[in-house]
Amino acid sequence: MPKKKKSNSQSVKPVFKMFCEGEKTEPLYIRGYINHFHSDKRSIIVVENTNKNTPVQLVEVAITAKKQGSGDDVVWVVFDRESEAKYSHELHAQARAKALANGIQIAFSNVCFEFWILLHFGYTSGCYSSYDDLKKKSALISKLKEVGIQNYDKASPMLFDKVKELIPDAIKNSERLKDQVIKASDIGKAAPHHLNPYVDVHEMFLDMKNFIEGKKSVRE
């Protein structure tokens, strides 16, 4: 009886992919998070390298990656509101529509990713016009000094390590903020890019855990 040929094909495991607008703060923090909480899953939890830095470009790169993936990949993009002078409401609306139409999830911060970091230290609903405005007027710099970061900049490699114990607080504060600002939003202006402040970065980290455990997405 002839022997059956072995199949060379292997089932491809789905991957949780993230594309970041920032080249420093976001990928450094997220990779620190993965290494700390999911170090054994680094083959399926991946921060992809990209040189795209506008919301629409980032979403388009993510769409391409999703189409080329296993079909069950979960793909997130991470970007900030930035100032209205830099990115218009129309541009953000376009990026969000493209993402929604193609199954891409957005981890969003208004006005910048540092607002997510600020929420590690306590609840706040302060409104800032830019990263520089937040850095100047908020308690971020003084709070970071308290945990050992004396001269914060966006390339600080120790940021995650210094705030990792505060992540449960950041998640709780982000959930509270999102709930409150959406409830208080004006009719027709409940999209995240209209809300200042706004953060839903925590949902990406919760979704990461659900992905690993085979649970449904937090966005479903």
Protein backbone atom coordinates (compact mmCIF):
# COMPACT_ATOMS: atom_id res chain seq x y z
CA MET A 1 0.00 0.00 0.00
CA PRO A 2 1.55 3.33 -1.00
CA LYS A 3 2.51 5.71 1.76
CA LYS A 4 0.53 8.90 2.08
CA LYS A 5 2.46 12.01 1.29
CA LYS A 6 2.96 14.39 4.17
CA SER A 7 1.56 17.83 3.65
CA ASN A 8 4.07 20.65 3.70
CA SER A 9 1.39 23.15 4.53
CA GLN A 10 1.09 24.33 8.12
CA SER A 11 -1.75 26.19 9.69
CA VAL A 12 -0.83 29.83 10.10
CA LYS A 13 -1.48 31.24 13.54
CA PRO A 14 -3.28 34.56 13.68
CA VAL A 15 -1.20 37.55 14.77
CA PHE A 16 -2.09 40.64 16.82
CA LYS A 17 -0.42 43.48 14.93
CA MET A 18 0.04 47.12 15.91
CA PHE A 19 1.17 50.03 13.76
CA CYS A 20 2.24 53.21 15.55
CA GLU A 21 2.25 56.78 14.30
CA GLY A 22 5.05 57.74 16.66
CA GLU A 23 8.55 56.37 16.13
CA LYS A 24 9.56 56.55 19.79
CA THR A 25 7.12 56.85 22.69
CA GLU A 26 4.37 54.52 21.50
CA PRO A 27 6.46 51.60 20.16
CA LEU A 28 8.85 51.76 23.11
CA TYR A 29 5.98 51.69 25.61
CA ILE A 30 4.04 48.98 23.77
CA ARG A 31 7.07 46.74 23.33
CA GLY A 32 7.81 47.21 27.03
CA TYR A 33 4.24 46.15 27.79
CA ILE A 34 4.54 43.04 25.62
CA ASN A 35 7.88 42.06 27.14
CA HIS A 36 6.53 42.49 30.66
CA PHE A 37 3.10 40.89 30.37
CA HIS A 38 3.30 38.61 27.31
CA SER A 39 6.97 37.86 26.71
CA ASP A 40 6.18 34.30 25.62
CA LYS A 41 3.80 35.57 22.94
CA ARG A 42 6.13 37.89 21.07
CA SER A 43 5.82 35.80 17.92
CA ILE A 44 2.08 36.55 17.69
CA ILE A 45 1.95 39.98 19.39
CA VAL A 46 3.89 42.30 17.11
CA VAL A 47 4.60 46.01 16.83
CA GLU A 48 5.19 46.46 13.12
CA ASN A 49 7.76 48.92 11.79
CA THR A 50 6.43 51.67 9.55
CA ASN A 51 7.55 55.09 8.38
CA LYS A 52 4.00 56.34 7.86
CA ASN A 53 2.95 59.11 10.20
CA THR A 54 -0.43 60.47 9.22
CA PRO A 55 -3.67 58.80 10.36
CA VAL A 56 -4.81 57.96 6.82
CA GLN A 57 -1.41 56.60 5.76
CA LEU A 58 -1.19 54.48 8.89
CA VAL A 59 -4.64 53.01 8.35
CA GLU A 60 -3.80 52.24 4.72
CA VAL A 61 -0.64 50.37 5.76
CA ALA A 62 -2.67 48.42 8.31
CA ILE A 63 -5.30 47.54 5.71
CA THR A 64 -2.61 46.14 3.41
CA ALA A 65 -1.13 44.09 6.25
CA LYS A 66 -4.53 42.70 7.19
CA LYS A 67 -5.23 41.65 3.61
CA GLN A 68 -1.87 39.90 3.43
CA GLY A 69 -2.33 38.18 6.80
CA SER A 70 -4.03 34.99 7.90
CA GLY A 71 -7.55 36.34 7.78
CA ASP A 72 -7.88 36.05 11.54
CA ASP A 73 -5.23 38.63 12.36
CA VAL A 74 -6.24 41.47 14.66
CA VAL A 75 -4.80 44.79 13.51
CA TRP A 76 -4.63 48.03 15.47
CA VAL A 77 -3.26 51.44 14.60
CA VAL A 78 -2.07 53.82 17.31
CA PHE A 79 -2.17 57.54 16.69
CA ASP A 80 -2.92 60.87 18.35
CA ARG A 81 -5.29 63.70 17.63
CA GLU A 82 -2.44 66.23 17.47
CA SER A 83 -3.45 69.87 16.97
CA GLU A 84 -6.26 70.83 14.60
CA ALA A 85 -3.76 72.89 12.65
CA LYS A 86 -1.75 69.73 11.94
CA TYR A 87 -4.59 67.29 11.26
CA SER A 88 -8.10 68.48 10.45
CA HIS A 89 -11.31 66.91 11.70
CA GLU A 90 -11.95 65.83 8.10
CA LEU A 91 -8.65 63.94 7.91
CA HIS A 92 -9.38 62.09 11.16
CA ALA A 93 -12.90 61.28 10.00
CA GLN A 94 -11.48 59.88 6.75
CA ALA A 95 -8.97 57.70 8.61
CA ARG A 96 -11.64 56.39 10.98
CA ALA A 97 -14.05 55.60 8.14
CA LYS A 98 -11.34 53.68 6.26
CA ALA A 99 -10.43 51.75 9.40
CA LEU A 100 -14.04 50.87 10.19
CA ALA A 101 -14.71 49.68 6.64
CA ASN A 102 -11.69 47.35 6.73
CA GLY A 103 -11.81 45.91 10.23
CA ILE A 104 -8.92 47.98 11.58
CA GLN A 105 -9.05 49.08 15.21
CA ILE A 106 -7.80 52.49 16.39
CA ALA A 107 -6.12 53.19 19.73
CA PHE A 108 -6.59 56.93 19.99
CA SER A 109 -5.38 59.72 22.25
CA ASN A 110 -6.51 63.31 22.28
CA VAL A 111 -4.38 65.28 22.36
CA CYS A 112 -1.36 62.95 22.52
CA PHE A 113 -0.17 59.56 23.81
CA GLU A 114 1.23 61.32 26.87
CA PHE A 115 -2.33 61.85 28.07
CA TRP A 116 -2.51 58.06 28.48
CA ILE A 117 0.72 58.25 30.48
CA LEU A 118 -0.73 61.08 32.60
CA LEU A 119 -3.68 58.86 33.53
CA HIS A 120 -1.29 56.42 35.18
CA PHE A 121 -0.92 58.96 37.99
CA GLY A 122 -4.57 59.80 38.59
CA TYR A 123 -7.80 60.85 36.98
CA THR A 124 -7.88 64.09 35.06
CA SER A 125 -10.09 65.63 32.41
CA GLY A 126 -7.79 68.53 31.60
CA CYS A 127 -7.93 69.83 28.05
CA TYR A 128 -4.71 70.55 26.13
CA SER A 129 -4.13 71.88 22.64
CA SER A 130 -0.90 69.98 21.88
CA TYR A 131 1.82 67.82 23.36
CA ASP A 132 3.84 70.91 24.24
CA ASP A 133 0.81 72.42 25.95
CA LEU A 134 0.24 69.25 27.99
CA LYS A 135 3.91 69.00 28.90
CA LYS A 136 3.94 72.62 30.06
CA LYS A 137 0.61 72.81 31.91
CA SER A 138 -0.14 69.32 33.25
CA ALA A 139 1.38 67.40 36.15
CA LEU A 140 3.03 64.91 33.79
CA ILE A 141 6.64 66.07 34.14
CA SER A 142 6.49 66.40 37.94
CA LYS A 143 4.84 62.98 38.27
CA LEU A 144 7.46 61.37 36.05
CA LYS A 145 10.18 62.92 38.20
CA GLU A 146 8.59 61.25 41.23
CA VAL A 147 9.09 57.83 39.62
CA GLY A 148 12.66 58.54 38.56
CA ILE A 149 12.43 60.12 35.09
CA GLN A 150 14.15 63.47 35.56
CA ASN A 151 14.28 64.67 31.96
CA TYR A 152 11.43 63.16 30.01
CA ASP A 153 11.56 63.04 26.25
CA LYS A 154 9.77 60.92 23.68
CA ALA A 155 12.72 58.58 23.30
CA SER A 156 12.90 57.66 26.98
CA PRO A 157 13.59 53.90 27.05
CA MET A 158 12.73 53.60 30.75
CA LEU A 159 9.21 55.05 30.58
CA PHE A 160 7.29 51.77 30.62
CA ASP A 161 9.42 50.26 33.37
CA LYS A 162 8.85 53.29 35.59
CA VAL A 163 5.05 53.33 35.22
CA LYS A 164 4.18 49.64 34.73
CA GLU A 165 2.88 49.19 38.28
CA LEU A 166 0.38 52.00 37.64
CA ILE A 167 -1.24 50.42 34.56
CA PRO A 168 -4.37 49.21 36.42
CA ASP A 169 -4.97 52.81 37.50
CA ALA A 170 -4.44 54.06 33.95
CA ILE A 171 -7.00 51.58 32.62
CA LYS A 172 -9.55 52.52 35.28
CA ASN A 173 -9.02 56.24 34.69
CA SER A 174 -9.20 55.85 30.91
CA GLU A 175 -12.47 53.94 31.11
CA ARG A 176 -13.93 56.62 33.37
CA LEU A 177 -12.76 59.44 31.10
CA LYS A 178 -14.09 57.85 27.92
CA ASP A 179 -17.48 57.21 29.49
CA GLN A 180 -17.78 60.75 30.81
CA VAL A 181 -16.66 62.66 27.73
CA ILE A 182 -18.92 60.65 25.42
CA LYS A 183 -21.91 61.27 27.67
CA ALA A 184 -21.11 64.99 27.74
CA SER A 185 -20.46 65.32 23.99
CA ASP A 186 -22.54 67.55 21.74
CA ILE A 187 -24.90 66.00 19.23
CA GLY A 188 -22.98 65.12 16.07
CA LYS A 189 -19.62 65.58 17.77
CA ALA A 190 -19.11 62.31 19.63
CA ALA A 191 -16.31 61.02 17.38
CA PRO A 192 -13.03 60.72 19.32
CA HIS A 193 -11.29 63.42 17.29
CA HIS A 194 -13.93 65.91 18.45
CA LEU A 195 -13.47 65.02 22.13
CA ASN A 196 -10.74 66.69 24.15
CA PRO A 197 -9.53 64.98 26.22
CA TYR A 198 -10.10 61.43 25.04
CA VAL A 199 -8.17 58.16 25.39
CA ASP A 200 -9.06 54.59 24.46
CA VAL A 201 -5.54 53.12 24.34
CA HIS A 202 -6.47 50.85 27.25
CA GLU A 203 -8.83 48.93 24.98
CA MET A 204 -5.93 47.80 22.80
CA PHE A 205 -4.15 46.29 25.80
CA LEU A 206 -7.34 44.61 27.01
CA ASP A 207 -7.92 43.29 23.49
CA MET A 208 -4.37 41.95 23.42
CA LYS A 209 -5.14 39.85 26.48
CA ASN A 210 -8.43 38.65 24.99
CA PHE A 211 -6.65 37.68 21.77
CA ILE A 212 -4.12 35.58 23.66
CA GLU A 213 -6.89 33.90 25.65
CA GLY A 214 -9.03 33.23 22.58
CA LYS A 215 -11.82 35.54 23.74
CA LYS A 216 -13.83 37.93 21.60
CA SER A 217 -12.59 41.43 20.96
CA VAL A 218 -13.44 44.24 23.36
CA ARG A 219 -14.75 46.13 20.35
CA GLU A 220 -17.35 43.51 19.45
